[in-house]
Protein backbone atom coordinates (compact mmCIF):
# COMPACT_ATOMS: atom_id res chain seq x y z
CA MET A 1 0.50 -0.04 0.13
CA LEU A 2 1.18 3.22 -1.01
CA VAL A 3 0.81 6.44 1.11
CA SER A 4 0.97 10.20 0.60
CA ALA A 5 4.23 11.45 2.17
CA LYS A 6 2.40 14.31 3.82
CA GLU A 7 1.96 12.82 7.18
CA MET A 8 5.28 11.16 7.30
CA LEU A 9 6.85 14.59 6.48
CA GLU A 10 4.65 16.63 8.65
CA LYS A 11 5.54 14.11 11.93
CA ALA A 12 9.30 14.72 11.04
CA LYS A 13 8.83 18.46 10.97
CA ALA A 14 7.32 18.01 14.20
CA GLY A 15 9.77 16.22 15.69
CA LYS A 16 12.98 17.61 13.98
CA TYR A 17 14.16 14.23 11.83
CA ALA A 18 14.48 13.87 7.79
CA VAL A 19 12.80 11.21 5.86
CA GLY A 20 15.01 10.06 3.16
CA GLN A 21 14.25 9.85 -0.20
CA PHE A 22 16.47 7.21 -2.22
CA ASN A 23 16.12 7.15 -6.10
CA ILE A 24 15.29 4.15 -7.31
CA ASN A 25 16.93 2.52 -10.58
CA ASN A 26 16.03 -1.12 -11.03
CA LEU A 27 14.54 -4.20 -9.17
CA GLU A 28 17.44 -4.54 -7.01
CA TRP A 29 17.27 -0.79 -5.60
CA THR A 30 14.18 -0.67 -4.84
CA LYS A 31 14.13 -4.59 -2.86
CA ALA A 32 17.17 -2.86 -0.96
CA ILE A 33 15.81 0.26 0.03
CA LEU A 34 12.54 -0.68 1.13
CA LEU A 35 13.87 -3.95 2.96
CA THR A 36 16.31 -1.61 5.00
CA ALA A 37 13.37 1.14 5.64
CA GLN A 38 11.25 -2.37 7.37
CA GLU A 39 14.57 -3.42 9.24
CA CYS A 40 15.13 0.25 10.53
CA ASN A 41 11.18 0.81 10.86
CA SER A 42 11.66 4.17 9.36
CA PRO A 43 9.29 5.56 6.81
CA VAL A 44 10.85 5.85 3.61
CA ILE A 45 10.49 7.76 -0.16
CA LEU A 46 11.34 5.91 -3.30
CA GLY A 47 12.28 8.74 -5.93
CA VAL A 48 12.17 8.21 -9.42
CA SER A 49 13.65 10.58 -12.06
CA GLU A 50 11.96 10.81 -15.39
CA GLY A 51 14.94 9.29 -16.91
CA ALA A 52 14.77 6.43 -14.51
CA GLY A 53 11.06 6.15 -15.29
CA LYS A 54 11.79 6.04 -19.11
CA TYR A 55 14.53 3.23 -18.06
CA MET A 56 12.51 1.00 -15.78
CA CYS A 57 9.74 0.94 -18.81
CA GLY A 58 7.24 3.57 -17.50
CA TYR A 59 5.59 4.79 -14.65
CA GLU A 60 2.93 2.15 -14.55
CA THR A 61 5.49 -0.75 -14.55
CA ILE A 62 7.04 1.28 -11.77
CA VAL A 63 4.01 1.00 -9.70
CA GLY A 64 3.40 -2.82 -10.35
CA MET A 65 6.75 -3.66 -9.40
CA VAL A 66 6.58 -1.44 -6.06
CA LYS A 67 3.33 -2.68 -4.87
CA GLY A 68 4.39 -6.18 -6.09
CA MET A 69 7.07 -5.84 -3.45
CA ILE A 70 5.39 -4.23 -0.49
CA LYS A 71 2.56 -7.23 -0.81
CA CYS A 72 5.56 -9.96 -1.45
CA LEU A 73 8.27 -8.50 1.45
CA ASN A 74 5.18 -7.99 3.77
CA ILE A 75 6.45 -3.97 4.39
CA THR A 76 4.45 -2.42 6.78
CA VAL A 77 6.11 1.01 7.09
CA PRO A 78 4.79 3.89 5.28
CA VAL A 79 6.37 3.85 1.76
CA ALA A 80 5.52 6.97 -0.82
CA LEU A 81 6.68 6.57 -4.11
CA HIS A 82 7.23 10.39 -5.73
CA LEU A 83 8.46 11.64 -9.09
CA ASP A 84 11.72 13.22 -8.58
CA HIS A 85 11.97 16.68 -10.57
CA GLY A 86 9.26 16.28 -12.80
CA SER A 87 7.78 18.50 -15.51
CA TYR A 88 4.53 19.56 -15.52
CA GLU A 89 3.71 16.82 -17.99
CA GLY A 90 5.42 14.44 -16.20
CA ALA A 91 3.61 15.26 -12.90
CA LYS A 92 0.22 14.48 -14.66
CA ALA A 93 1.74 10.88 -16.06
CA CYS A 94 2.71 9.84 -12.81
CA ILE A 95 -1.02 10.85 -11.07
CA ASN A 96 -2.39 8.98 -13.75
CA ALA A 97 -0.22 5.66 -13.28
CA GLY A 98 -0.69 5.86 -9.64
CA PHE A 99 2.25 6.96 -7.96
CA SER A 100 1.27 8.17 -3.83
CA SER A 101 3.71 11.47 -4.53
CA VAL A 102 4.79 14.08 -7.36
CA MET A 103 6.88 16.81 -7.70
CA PHE A 104 6.91 19.87 -10.06
CA ASP A 105 9.88 21.41 -10.41
CA GLY A 106 8.68 24.44 -11.98
CA SER A 107 12.27 26.59 -10.99
CA HIS A 108 13.04 27.25 -14.87
CA TYR A 109 10.05 29.12 -15.31
CA PRO A 110 9.34 32.47 -14.58
CA ILE A 111 7.48 32.73 -11.07
CA GLU A 112 4.24 33.79 -12.02
CA GLU A 113 4.46 30.70 -14.66
CA ASN A 114 5.87 28.55 -11.62
CA ILE A 115 2.60 29.46 -9.66
CA ALA A 116 -0.01 28.81 -12.46
CA LYS A 117 1.20 25.56 -13.08
CA THR A 118 1.75 24.48 -9.17
CA THR A 119 -1.91 25.45 -8.47
CA GLU A 120 -3.53 23.44 -11.22
CA LEU A 121 -1.17 20.72 -9.69
CA VAL A 122 -2.35 21.41 -6.39
CA ASN A 123 -5.98 21.13 -6.94
CA ALA A 124 -5.59 17.75 -8.87
CA CYS A 125 -3.50 16.31 -5.80
CA ASN A 126 -5.64 17.12 -3.21
CA VAL A 127 -8.79 15.71 -4.47
CA LEU A 128 -6.51 12.58 -5.18
CA GLY A 129 -5.00 12.58 -1.58
CA ILE A 130 -0.89 12.85 -3.24
CA SER A 131 1.54 14.77 -2.27
CA LEU A 132 3.21 17.19 -4.19
CA GLU A 133 6.44 19.19 -3.68
CA ALA A 134 7.48 21.81 -5.41
CA GLU A 135 10.47 23.61 -6.19
CA VAL A 136 12.10 27.75 -6.25
CA GLY A 137 15.11 28.52 -6.99
CA SER A 138 17.09 25.56 -9.11
CA ILE A 139 19.52 23.35 -7.58
CA GLY A 140 22.98 23.18 -8.75
CA GLY A 141 24.58 20.74 -11.01
CA GLU A 142 22.53 18.43 -13.58
CA GLU A 143 19.48 16.61 -13.36
CA ASP A 144 17.76 15.28 -16.43
CA GLY A 145 19.55 17.92 -18.52
CA VAL A 146 18.70 20.43 -16.62
CA VAL A 147 21.68 21.94 -15.46
CA GLY A 148 21.77 24.68 -12.71
CA ALA A 149 23.89 26.45 -10.66
CA GLY A 150 23.08 26.08 -6.64
CA GLU A 151 21.14 29.84 -6.85
CA CYS A 152 19.65 30.22 -3.91
CA ALA A 153 15.93 30.82 -3.47
CA ASP A 154 14.25 34.15 -2.86
CA PRO A 155 12.59 33.45 0.50
CA THR A 156 9.77 35.66 -0.50
CA GLU A 157 9.07 33.28 -3.75
CA CYS A 158 9.28 30.58 -1.53
CA LYS A 159 6.13 32.04 0.91
CA MET A 160 4.65 32.55 -2.22
CA VAL A 161 4.73 28.89 -3.76
CA ALA A 162 4.36 27.10 -0.19
CA ASP A 163 1.07 29.61 0.44
CA LEU A 164 -0.31 27.51 -2.83
CA GLY A 165 -0.90 24.19 -0.62
CA VAL A 166 1.76 22.29 -1.70
CA THR A 167 2.93 19.58 0.65
CA MET A 168 6.72 20.43 0.51
CA LEU A 169 9.06 22.61 -0.81
CA ALA A 170 12.40 22.23 -2.13
CA ALA A 171 14.32 25.39 -1.69
CA GLY A 172 18.00 26.11 -3.09
CA ILE A 173 20.51 26.68 -0.32
CA GLY A 174 23.81 26.23 -2.86
CA ASN A 175 22.81 22.34 -2.70
CA ILE A 176 24.31 20.45 -6.22
CA HIS A 177 23.56 17.20 -7.34
CA GLY A 178 26.53 14.54 -7.82
CA LYS A 179 29.53 15.11 -6.34
CA TYR A 180 30.50 18.68 -4.53
CA PRO A 181 32.97 20.43 -6.17
CA ALA A 182 36.50 20.51 -3.88
CA ASN A 183 35.75 24.47 -4.11
CA TRP A 184 31.75 24.06 -3.26
CA ALA A 185 31.16 26.71 -0.61
CA GLY A 186 28.61 24.32 1.73
CA LEU A 187 25.22 24.90 2.27
CA ASN A 188 23.63 28.47 3.05
CA PHE A 189 21.85 28.17 6.52
CA ASP A 190 21.07 32.03 6.40
CA VAL A 191 18.57 31.67 3.65
CA LEU A 192 17.52 28.08 4.91
CA ALA A 193 16.11 30.16 8.45
CA ALA A 194 14.45 32.92 6.07
CA ILE A 195 12.91 30.34 3.98
CA SER A 196 11.90 28.73 7.02
CA GLU A 197 10.63 31.47 9.11
CA LYS A 198 8.19 32.69 5.68
CA THR A 199 6.93 29.26 5.44
CA GLY A 200 6.19 28.28 9.05
CA ASP A 201 5.30 24.30 9.31
CA MET A 202 5.80 23.52 5.58
CA PRO A 203 8.48 20.56 5.68
CA LEU A 204 11.34 21.77 2.90
CA VAL A 205 13.48 19.24 0.97
CA LEU A 206 17.07 19.37 0.23
CA HIS A 207 18.04 17.72 -2.69
CA GLY A 208 21.53 16.48 -3.62
CA GLY A 209 21.93 14.71 -0.34
CA THR A 210 25.13 12.71 -1.41
CA GLY A 211 28.18 14.19 -0.26
CA ILE A 212 27.06 17.18 2.42
CA PRO A 213 28.96 16.81 5.37
CA GLU A 214 27.15 15.52 8.47
CA ASP A 215 26.95 18.33 10.78
CA MET A 216 25.38 20.37 7.98
CA ILE A 217 22.68 17.51 7.24
CA LYS A 218 22.16 18.03 11.09
CA LYS A 219 22.43 21.58 11.28
CA ALA A 220 19.82 21.91 7.89
CA ILE A 221 16.71 19.40 9.67
CA SER A 222 17.51 21.76 12.63
CA LEU A 223 16.39 24.57 10.56
CA GLY A 224 13.25 22.42 8.86
CA VAL A 225 14.46 20.17 6.61
CA SER A 226 12.44 16.80 6.86
CA LYS A 227 12.71 15.30 3.79
CA ILE A 228 16.42 14.81 2.12
CA ASN A 229 16.96 13.55 -1.31
CA VAL A 230 19.61 10.81 -2.01
CA ASN A 231 21.13 9.12 -5.15
CA THR A 232 24.52 9.04 -6.22
CA GLU A 233 25.66 7.81 -3.24
CA CYS A 234 23.85 4.89 -3.49
CA GLN A 235 25.48 4.52 -6.80
CA LEU A 236 28.67 4.97 -6.42
CA ALA A 237 28.66 2.09 -3.64
CA PHE A 238 26.82 0.07 -5.92
CA ALA A 239 29.30 0.45 -8.77
CA ALA A 240 32.14 0.28 -6.22
CA ALA A 241 30.82 -3.36 -4.93
CA THR A 242 30.09 -4.61 -8.19
CA ARG A 243 33.37 -3.52 -9.67
CA LYS A 244 35.18 -5.48 -6.76
CA TYR A 245 33.14 -8.28 -7.63
CA VAL A 246 34.41 -8.61 -10.97
CA GLU A 247 38.27 -7.28 -10.10
CA ASP A 248 38.26 -10.40 -7.48
CA GLY A 249 37.15 -12.85 -10.46
CA LYS A 250 34.35 -14.20 -8.73
CA ASP A 251 31.98 -13.87 -11.75
CA LEU A 252 34.65 -16.57 -13.25
CA SER A 253 34.25 -19.03 -10.41
CA GLY A 254 31.21 -21.47 -10.09
CA LYS A 255 28.04 -19.84 -11.25
CA GLY A 256 29.54 -16.11 -10.42
CA PHE A 257 28.16 -14.93 -13.58
CA ASP A 258 24.52 -15.74 -12.73
CA PRO A 259 23.18 -11.82 -12.47
CA ARG A 260 21.74 -12.95 -9.02
CA LYS A 261 25.51 -13.44 -7.46
CA LEU A 262 26.82 -10.76 -10.20
CA LEU A 263 24.09 -7.65 -8.21
CA ALA A 264 24.34 -9.15 -4.71
CA PRO A 265 27.71 -6.88 -3.40
CA GLY A 266 25.63 -4.41 -4.96
CA PHE A 267 22.49 -4.80 -3.52
CA GLU A 268 24.07 -4.96 -0.15
CA ALA A 269 26.28 -2.10 -0.29
CA ILE A 270 23.05 -0.09 -1.22
CA LYS A 271 21.34 -1.57 1.75
CA ALA A 272 24.45 -0.67 3.96
CA THR A 273 24.65 2.90 2.40
CA VAL A 274 20.46 3.54 3.08
CA LYS A 275 20.92 2.35 6.92
CA GLU A 276 23.54 4.78 7.63
CA LYS A 277 21.37 7.47 5.83
CA MET A 278 18.21 6.84 8.16
CA GLU A 279 20.07 6.79 11.10
CA LEU A 280 21.69 10.39 9.80
CA PHE A 281 18.46 11.38 9.18
CA GLY A 282 16.79 10.27 12.63
CA SER A 283 14.45 8.33 10.97
CA VAL A 284 14.56 4.99 12.55
CA ASN A 285 12.12 3.85 14.48
CA LYS A 286 9.73 6.64 13.24
CA ALA A 287 7.48 4.29 11.30
């Protein structure tokens, strides 16, 4: 059973912890994240980018896989299936396919157009009980071909979008997607505090969670961040474990070439990464 992210994020905001959004890329990813959430007794958000949606044969395929896994693996913790950085068309497609949460990233539109499109989606999501994430100020790095330099959001614009009735707000505070460069300036906590002050109880979202130092993560949570997105870190852990398996020649011994064996170390590496993040975010035993 998929749930909206609304209740889990409101609880996180009130309890001063954050729920992790972990992006899924295939069956191994999904299974690893769901099992870890259950073992940690933590709520979880499964993120799907539009690129990953195409790769996994469309949103309906993903909904079927996730619902089937929740049933088969006996997952009882709250699970939201969420479109990450969705276009307006992508958000509508995911709503129709049965996602329980969507993000509409209108940050690259003029603020008036962002507001108009977000308002339309707020109305649709409210009727269907789906949570909606909006974005103000682009997140740096590259996400599905959209490149941002990590600008900081305008707190006044954040309030305008928050007041539309969205569930959660992603606001750029100098964070970027992918690996952080050596000369990264860090998160801008003054901007985060100003946004938090203007948006009140609204759960705030931190994108680009990979590579942000632990003390910064904890400080961001104390200032109202209730959802943190992780993708690159799981990909790096999966790739490193798979590389080691092959370099150690394990695929050449016995039935080591069997994909279930070949992908097992990467699967365990994702689980370890997700557990570490859930502990850092404070969501363990909060299901």
